[in-house]
Amino acid sequence: DSAFTVLSEHPESPMLNFVYALLIRDVYALTSAFFALNSAMRFAL
C-alpha cells in the first residue's frame, strides 16, 4: 500500500504509474509461472 501512495504523490507522471503496473504484473506472472513449473517438475520426478 505504501508503494501506491508514493506513486500517487507524483500525479505529473502517469507514465510511471503505467510502467510500475506493467512491472508488477510481469513479476507476478513470472513468479506464478515459476511455481507452476516447479510443481510440474516435482510431479514428474
C-alpha atoms as a PDB file:
ATOM      1  CA  ASP A   1       0.000   0.000   0.000  1.00  0.00           C
ATOM      2  CA  SER A   2       2.956   2.300   0.697  1.00  0.00           C
ATOM      3  CA  ALA A   3       4.286   1.952  -2.848  1.00  0.00           C
ATOM      4  CA  PHE A   4       0.916   3.017  -4.214  1.00  0.00           C
ATOM      5  CA  THR A   5       0.853   6.125  -2.032  1.00  0.00           C
ATOM      6  CA  VAL A   6       4.377   7.015  -3.185  1.00  0.00           C
ATOM      7  CA  LEU A   7       3.202   6.740  -6.786  1.00  0.00           C
ATOM      8  CA  SER A   8       0.116   8.822  -6.021  1.00  0.00           C
ATOM      9  CA  GLU A   9       2.350  11.624  -4.767  1.00  0.00           C
ATOM     10  CA  HIS A  10       3.567  12.160  -8.343  1.00  0.00           C
ATOM     11  CA  PRO A  11       0.470  12.862 -10.461  1.00  0.00           C
ATOM     12  CA  GLU A  12       2.611  14.561 -13.108  1.00  0.00           C
ATOM     13  CA  SER A  13       3.953  11.187 -14.242  1.00  0.00           C
ATOM     14  CA  PRO A  14       1.089   8.815 -15.137  1.00  0.00           C
ATOM     15  CA  MET A  15       3.516   7.009 -17.446  1.00  0.00           C
ATOM     16  CA  LEU A  16       5.488   5.957 -14.370  1.00  0.00           C
ATOM     17  CA  ASN A  17       2.318   4.501 -12.853  1.00  0.00           C
ATOM     18  CA  PHE A  18       1.747   2.546 -16.066  1.00  0.00           C
ATOM     19  CA  VAL A  19       5.309   1.220 -16.128  1.00  0.00           C
ATOM     20  CA  TYR A  20       5.105   0.201 -12.477  1.00  0.00           C
ATOM     21  CA  ALA A  21       1.803  -1.579 -13.106  1.00  0.00           C
ATOM     22  CA  LEU A  22       3.330  -3.480 -16.030  1.00  0.00           C
ATOM     23  CA  LEU A  23       6.386  -4.426 -13.967  1.00  0.00           C
ATOM     24  CA  ILE A  24       4.280  -5.666 -11.056  1.00  0.00           C
ATOM     25  CA  ARG A  25       2.057  -7.676 -13.416  1.00  0.00           C
ATOM     26  CA  ASP A  26       5.059  -9.207 -15.213  1.00  0.00           C
ATOM     27  CA  VAL A  27       6.800 -10.100 -11.952  1.00  0.00           C
ATOM     28  CA  TYR A  28       3.587 -11.719 -10.699  1.00  0.00           C
ATOM     29  CA  ALA A  29       3.191 -13.670 -13.956  1.00  0.00           C
ATOM     30  CA  LEU A  30       6.823 -14.808 -13.873  1.00  0.00           C
ATOM     31  CA  THR A  31       6.534 -15.874 -10.241  1.00  0.00           C
ATOM     32  CA  SER A  32       3.361 -17.878 -10.803  1.00  0.00           C
ATOM     33  CA  ALA A  33       4.842 -19.483 -13.937  1.00  0.00           C
ATOM     34  CA  PHE A  34       7.983 -20.386 -11.973  1.00  0.00           C
ATOM     35  CA  PHE A  35       5.952 -22.009  -9.211  1.00  0.00           C
ATOM     36  CA  ALA A  36       3.818 -23.882 -11.746  1.00  0.00           C
ATOM     37  CA  LEU A  37       6.936 -25.171 -13.500  1.00  0.00           C
ATOM     38  CA  ASN A  38       8.489 -26.086 -10.154  1.00  0.00           C
ATOM     39  CA  SER A  39       5.463 -28.131  -9.065  1.00  0.00           C
ATOM     40  CA  ALA A  40       5.247 -29.751 -12.515  1.00  0.00           C
ATOM     41  CA  MET A  41       8.884 -30.829 -12.297  1.00  0.00           C
ATOM     42  CA  ARG A  42       8.334 -32.183  -8.801  1.00  0.00           C
ATOM     43  CA  PHE A  43       5.281 -34.095 -10.028  1.00  0.00           C
ATOM     44  CA  ALA A  44       7.263 -35.530 -12.967  1.00  0.00           C
ATOM     45  CA  LEU A  45      10.050 -36.658 -10.642  1.00  0.00           C
END
